[in-house]
Amino acid sequence: MRLAVAQIISGADPTANLDLVREYAAQAKTAGAALVVFPEAVMRAFGHSLADVAEPLDGPWAEEVRRIAKELNIAIVLGMFTPGQGSRVRNTLLVTGPGIDASYDKVHLFDAFGFTESETVDAGERPVTFELHGTVFGLATCYDVRFPALFSANARAGAQVNIVCASWGAGEGKAEQWDLLVRARALDSTTFVVACGQGDPETMGAEPAGAAPTGIGRSAVISPLGSTLAKLEGEPELVVVDIDPSLVNDVRTKIPVLANARQFQVSAEPSLSTDTK
């Protein structure tokens, strides 16, 4: 299967951001990709109000994404915002394309590194997978990448590929953590990981947007054995990669970490050894 990763830099204007979706999706189609993955927060970049652009999955912004996917005959995965409770929103991934219409609400909210996503965003409640041309994909968003259980749950639900859409925040050690985490999640789940982040606005001459996680780039495609098949730097760019999902079964035969995994029940009291030898 040929996949495309569209590392874009979205802005405040949802309409202008749709133009980016159209442009990069067309490039992906021309390159022969069946699926193009965009980052988190494509609808509107972080650092701007989200509640006033959030709309239902059948609203005009999402419908235009569906129209682009249908017109180009390509599957699209991207981040948008849907209404939550009260003035909150949900951080949603939309999946649309030939025979596909799915969505995932980010489960793990980014309350870390001085940013409190839970103040304005409602958490999702369940993993989501979808199928394209016989290959099953799992979905994750940004901070989710720090939680192996979600990736393993997707794999147990049949996923051969885990997609991570992100707007990763800059900071000391953050780039190294991202690189490590996307490779680790491939190994944890024995899946391909397709990790697409927002590009770094500073590469385009923009000033940092305060504490808002506006992206560092470093999108990557990782094999089930943790090898890097493709990697971008900070600039906006499209990369196209061919993957063979049948390799996942071979890897799981050699390294059956999902089958060998054991579940532990944590006791309320610490268990102390009394062995004095």
Protein backbone atom coordinates (compact mmCIF):
# COMPACT_ATOMS: atom_id res chain seq x y z
CA MET A 1 0.00 0.00 0.00
CA ARG A 2 1.24 3.46 -0.86
CA LEU A 3 0.71 6.08 1.86
CA ALA A 4 1.40 9.80 1.95
CA VAL A 5 2.28 11.93 4.97
CA ALA A 6 1.36 15.61 4.57
CA GLN A 7 3.37 17.65 7.07
CA ILE A 8 1.64 21.01 6.78
CA ILE A 9 1.48 24.14 8.94
CA SER A 10 -2.14 25.11 9.50
CA GLY A 11 -3.18 28.60 10.56
CA ALA A 12 -6.13 30.39 12.10
CA ASP A 13 -8.38 30.39 9.00
CA PRO A 14 -10.26 27.07 8.49
CA THR A 15 -10.97 27.92 4.85
CA ALA A 16 -7.32 28.56 4.06
CA ASN A 17 -6.48 25.31 5.84
CA LEU A 18 -8.89 23.47 3.52
CA ASP A 19 -6.88 24.84 0.61
CA LEU A 20 -3.82 23.14 2.10
CA VAL A 21 -5.75 19.88 2.42
CA ARG A 22 -6.82 20.09 -1.21
CA GLU A 23 -3.30 20.92 -2.42
CA TYR A 24 -1.49 18.18 -0.52
CA ALA A 25 -4.18 15.55 -1.12
CA ALA A 26 -3.92 16.22 -4.87
CA GLN A 27 -0.13 15.79 -4.70
CA ALA A 28 -0.59 12.53 -2.81
CA LYS A 29 -3.06 11.23 -5.39
CA THR A 30 -0.72 12.16 -8.25
CA ALA A 31 2.02 10.17 -6.48
CA GLY A 32 -0.26 7.12 -6.38
CA ALA A 33 -1.12 7.12 -2.67
CA ALA A 34 -4.31 5.43 -1.48
CA LEU A 35 -4.26 7.34 1.82
CA VAL A 36 -2.90 10.71 2.91
CA VAL A 37 -2.39 11.50 6.59
CA PHE A 38 -2.45 15.10 7.82
CA PRO A 39 -1.61 16.37 11.34
CA GLU A 40 -3.72 17.19 14.35
CA ALA A 41 -5.40 20.62 14.41
CA VAL A 42 -5.68 21.03 10.63
CA MET A 43 -8.99 22.86 11.02
CA ARG A 44 -7.29 25.54 13.12
CA ALA A 45 -3.83 25.67 14.64
CA PHE A 46 -3.41 25.71 18.40
CA GLY A 47 -2.83 29.15 19.88
CA HIS A 48 -6.23 30.36 18.59
CA SER A 49 -9.79 29.99 19.88
CA LEU A 50 -11.19 26.56 19.10
CA ALA A 51 -14.80 26.77 20.30
CA ASP A 52 -15.85 29.23 17.61
CA VAL A 53 -14.74 26.95 14.75
CA ALA A 54 -15.80 23.58 16.19
CA GLU A 55 -18.60 21.96 14.22
CA PRO A 56 -20.29 18.55 14.00
CA LEU A 57 -18.91 15.81 11.80
CA ASP A 58 -21.66 16.55 9.30
CA GLY A 59 -20.90 20.30 9.28
CA PRO A 60 -19.64 22.26 6.25
CA TRP A 61 -15.91 22.01 7.01
CA ALA A 62 -15.95 18.22 7.34
CA GLU A 63 -18.25 17.93 4.34
CA GLU A 64 -15.72 19.83 2.23
CA VAL A 65 -13.00 17.40 3.32
CA ARG A 66 -15.30 14.56 2.24
CA ARG A 67 -15.85 16.26 -1.10
CA ILE A 68 -12.08 16.57 -1.65
CA ALA A 69 -11.59 12.89 -0.79
CA LYS A 70 -14.39 11.82 -3.12
CA GLU A 71 -13.21 14.05 -5.97
CA LEU A 72 -9.65 12.70 -5.75
CA ASN A 73 -10.68 9.13 -4.85
CA ILE A 74 -8.28 9.07 -1.92
CA ALA A 75 -8.67 8.42 1.81
CA ILE A 76 -7.86 11.35 4.10
CA VAL A 77 -7.09 11.43 7.83
CA LEU A 78 -6.86 14.82 9.55
CA GLY A 79 -7.47 16.67 12.79
CA MET A 80 -10.46 18.94 13.40
CA PHE A 81 -12.55 20.12 16.37
CA THR A 82 -16.09 19.04 17.14
CA PRO A 83 -18.45 20.38 19.83
CA GLY A 84 -18.07 19.03 23.35
CA GLN A 85 -19.97 19.76 26.54
CA GLY A 86 -20.75 23.42 27.19
CA SER A 87 -17.99 25.58 25.75
CA ARG A 88 -15.57 22.68 25.37
CA VAL A 89 -14.63 20.96 22.14
CA ARG A 90 -13.41 17.50 21.22
CA ASN A 91 -10.06 17.01 19.52
CA THR A 92 -11.24 14.81 16.66
CA LEU A 93 -9.63 12.90 13.82
CA LEU A 94 -11.82 12.64 10.73
CA VAL A 95 -11.30 9.70 8.37
CA THR A 96 -13.02 9.88 5.00
CA GLY A 97 -12.61 8.36 1.56
CA PRO A 98 -13.85 5.54 -0.65
CA GLY A 99 -16.16 3.45 1.55
CA ILE A 100 -14.82 5.02 4.77
CA ASP A 101 -16.34 7.44 7.25
CA ALA A 102 -14.94 7.27 10.77
CA SER A 103 -13.78 9.53 13.57
CA TYR A 104 -11.72 9.33 16.74
CA ASP A 105 -11.80 11.68 19.72
CA LYS A 106 -8.45 12.09 21.47
CA VAL A 107 -8.48 10.01 24.66
CA HIS A 108 -5.42 11.33 26.51
CA LEU A 109 -5.55 15.10 26.94
CA PHE A 110 -2.32 17.10 27.03
CA ASP A 111 -2.12 18.33 30.60
CA ALA A 112 1.65 18.55 30.64
CA PHE A 113 4.59 20.89 30.06
CA GLY A 114 2.52 23.89 31.21
CA PHE A 115 -0.34 23.29 28.76
CA THR A 116 -3.80 22.22 30.03
CA GLU A 117 -5.83 20.82 27.17
CA SER A 118 -8.52 19.52 29.54
CA GLU A 119 -9.59 23.09 30.34
CA THR A 120 -11.10 23.45 26.86
CA VAL A 121 -11.33 19.91 25.48
CA ASP A 122 -13.45 16.87 26.40
CA ALA A 123 -11.67 13.52 26.30
CA GLY A 124 -12.71 10.71 24.01
CA GLU A 125 -13.65 7.37 25.50
CA ARG A 126 -12.67 4.56 23.12
CA PRO A 127 -10.14 3.36 20.56
CA VAL A 128 -11.14 3.47 16.90
CA THR A 129 -9.96 1.43 13.91
CA PHE A 130 -10.93 1.52 10.25
CA GLU A 131 -10.23 -0.63 7.20
CA LEU A 132 -8.92 0.40 3.78
CA HIS A 133 -8.19 -2.08 0.99
CA GLY A 134 -8.00 -4.95 3.47
CA THR A 135 -5.59 -3.18 5.84
CA VAL A 136 -6.75 -2.18 9.34
CA PHE A 137 -5.59 1.13 10.79
CA GLY A 138 -5.72 2.36 14.39
CA LEU A 139 -5.93 6.03 15.33
CA ALA A 140 -4.13 8.15 17.93
CA THR A 141 -3.54 11.85 18.51
CA CYS A 142 -0.36 13.52 19.77
CA TYR A 143 -0.13 12.97 23.56
CA ASP A 144 -1.69 9.51 23.01
CA VAL A 145 1.74 8.42 21.77
CA ARG A 146 2.96 8.32 25.38
CA PHE A 147 0.42 5.58 26.24
CA PRO A 148 1.34 2.14 24.85
CA ALA A 149 -1.96 0.52 25.86
CA LEU A 150 -3.90 2.43 23.19
CA PHE A 151 -1.60 1.19 20.43
CA SER A 152 -1.76 -2.37 21.74
CA ALA A 153 -5.56 -2.15 21.95
CA ASN A 154 -5.68 -1.05 18.32
CA ALA A 155 -3.40 -3.94 17.37
CA ARG A 156 -5.58 -6.44 19.23
CA ALA A 157 -8.55 -5.02 17.31
CA GLY A 158 -6.76 -5.97 14.10
CA ALA A 159 -4.67 -2.88 13.31
CA GLN A 160 -1.58 -3.47 11.19
CA VAL A 161 -0.89 0.27 11.04
CA ASN A 162 -1.24 2.88 13.79
CA ILE A 163 -1.68 6.49 12.67
CA VAL A 164 -0.58 9.31 14.99
CA CYS A 165 -1.65 12.85 14.08
CA ALA A 166 0.14 15.46 16.16
CA SER A 167 0.92 19.09 16.84
CA TRP A 168 3.93 18.35 19.04
CA GLY A 169 5.12 21.13 21.29
CA ALA A 170 8.68 22.42 21.18
CA GLY A 171 10.94 22.41 24.21
CA GLU A 172 14.02 20.87 25.75
CA GLY A 173 14.24 17.21 24.85
CA LYS A 174 10.83 17.16 23.15
CA ALA A 175 12.09 16.32 19.65
CA GLU A 176 14.13 13.41 20.99
CA GLN A 177 11.13 12.17 22.96
CA TRP A 178 8.91 12.25 19.86
CA ASP A 179 11.45 10.31 17.80
CA LEU A 180 11.79 7.71 20.54
CA LEU A 181 8.09 7.38 21.25
CA VAL A 182 6.94 6.79 17.68
CA ARG A 183 9.51 4.02 17.30
CA ALA A 184 8.66 2.51 20.68
CA ARG A 185 4.95 2.37 19.86
CA ALA A 186 5.72 0.45 16.68
CA LEU A 187 7.65 -2.10 18.72
CA ASP A 188 5.04 -2.27 21.51
CA SER A 189 2.22 -3.02 19.09
CA THR A 190 4.18 -4.67 16.25
CA THR A 191 2.48 -2.35 13.78
CA PHE A 192 3.66 0.19 11.26
CA VAL A 193 3.38 3.67 12.78
CA VAL A 194 2.55 6.58 10.51
CA ALA A 195 3.25 9.70 12.56
CA CYS A 196 2.32 13.03 11.01
CA GLY A 197 3.06 16.24 12.88
CA GLN A 198 2.44 19.89 12.18
CA GLY A 199 5.50 21.47 10.62
CA ASP A 200 7.59 23.95 12.58
CA PRO A 201 6.25 27.51 12.04
CA GLU A 202 9.71 28.94 12.73
CA THR A 203 10.95 27.36 9.49
CA MET A 204 8.54 29.74 7.73
CA GLY A 205 9.66 32.78 9.73
CA ALA A 206 6.78 32.74 12.24
CA GLU A 207 7.26 33.68 15.87
CA PRO A 208 6.64 31.02 18.57
CA ALA A 209 2.97 31.00 19.71
CA GLY A 210 3.61 31.11 23.44
CA ALA A 211 2.84 27.83 25.19
CA ALA A 212 0.66 26.53 22.36
CA PRO A 213 2.01 23.30 20.80
CA THR A 214 2.22 24.48 17.20
CA GLY A 215 4.50 21.75 15.88
CA ILE A 216 8.12 20.76 15.32
CA GLY A 217 7.71 18.60 12.22
CA ARG A 218 9.72 15.34 12.34
CA SER A 219 6.91 13.28 10.81
CA ALA A 220 7.96 9.66 10.32
CA VAL A 221 6.92 6.24 9.09
CA ILE A 222 8.19 3.38 11.27
CA SER A 223 8.26 -0.36 10.57
CA PRO A 224 6.91 -2.98 13.03
CA LEU A 225 10.54 -3.65 13.98
CA GLY A 226 11.16 0.00 14.82
CA SER A 227 13.09 0.94 11.69
CA THR A 228 12.60 4.41 10.28
CA LEU A 229 11.28 4.12 6.72
CA ALA A 230 10.86 7.86 6.19
CA LYS A 231 11.47 10.98 8.25
CA LEU A 232 10.97 14.70 7.67
CA GLU A 233 12.57 17.71 9.29
CA GLY A 234 10.68 20.88 10.24
CA GLU A 235 9.56 22.32 6.90
CA PRO A 236 6.18 21.64 5.27
CA GLU A 237 6.57 18.63 2.98
CA LEU A 238 4.81 15.60 1.52
CA VAL A 239 6.47 12.20 1.70
CA VAL A 240 5.19 9.05 0.02
CA VAL A 241 6.02 5.58 1.37
CA ASP A 242 5.17 2.04 0.27
CA ILE A 243 4.43 -0.39 3.09
CA ASP A 244 3.61 -4.10 3.07
CA PRO A 245 1.04 -4.83 5.81
CA SER A 246 1.61 -8.59 5.40
CA LEU A 247 4.98 -8.09 7.13
CA VAL A 248 3.10 -7.52 10.39
CA ASN A 249 2.14 -11.21 10.65
CA ASP A 250 5.77 -12.24 10.08
CA VAL A 251 6.97 -9.89 12.80
CA ARG A 252 4.31 -11.09 15.24
CA THR A 253 5.38 -14.68 14.63
CA LYS A 254 9.00 -13.82 15.41
CA ILE A 255 8.29 -11.42 18.29
CA PRO A 256 4.83 -12.29 19.71
CA VAL A 257 4.76 -9.49 22.29
CA LEU A 258 0.97 -9.13 22.04
CA ALA A 259 0.43 -12.84 22.60
CA ASN A 260 3.02 -13.02 25.39
CA ALA A 261 1.87 -9.94 27.28
CA ARG A 262 0.56 -10.53 30.81
CA GLN A 263 -1.90 -8.37 32.71
CA PHE A 264 -1.05 -7.40 36.28
CA GLN A 265 -3.48 -6.39 38.97
CA VAL A 266 -1.96 -3.73 41.21
CA SER A 267 -2.48 -4.28 44.93
CA ALA A 268 -3.35 -1.38 47.22
CA GLU A 269 -0.56 -2.49 49.55
CA PRO A 270 3.08 -2.77 48.45
CA SER A 271 4.39 -6.32 48.17
CA LEU A 272 7.60 -6.67 50.18
CA SER A 273 9.86 -9.70 49.93
CA THR A 274 10.55 -11.54 53.18
CA ASP A 275 13.35 -13.59 51.65
CA THR A 276 16.48 -12.96 53.77
CA LYS A 277 18.84 -15.13 51.74
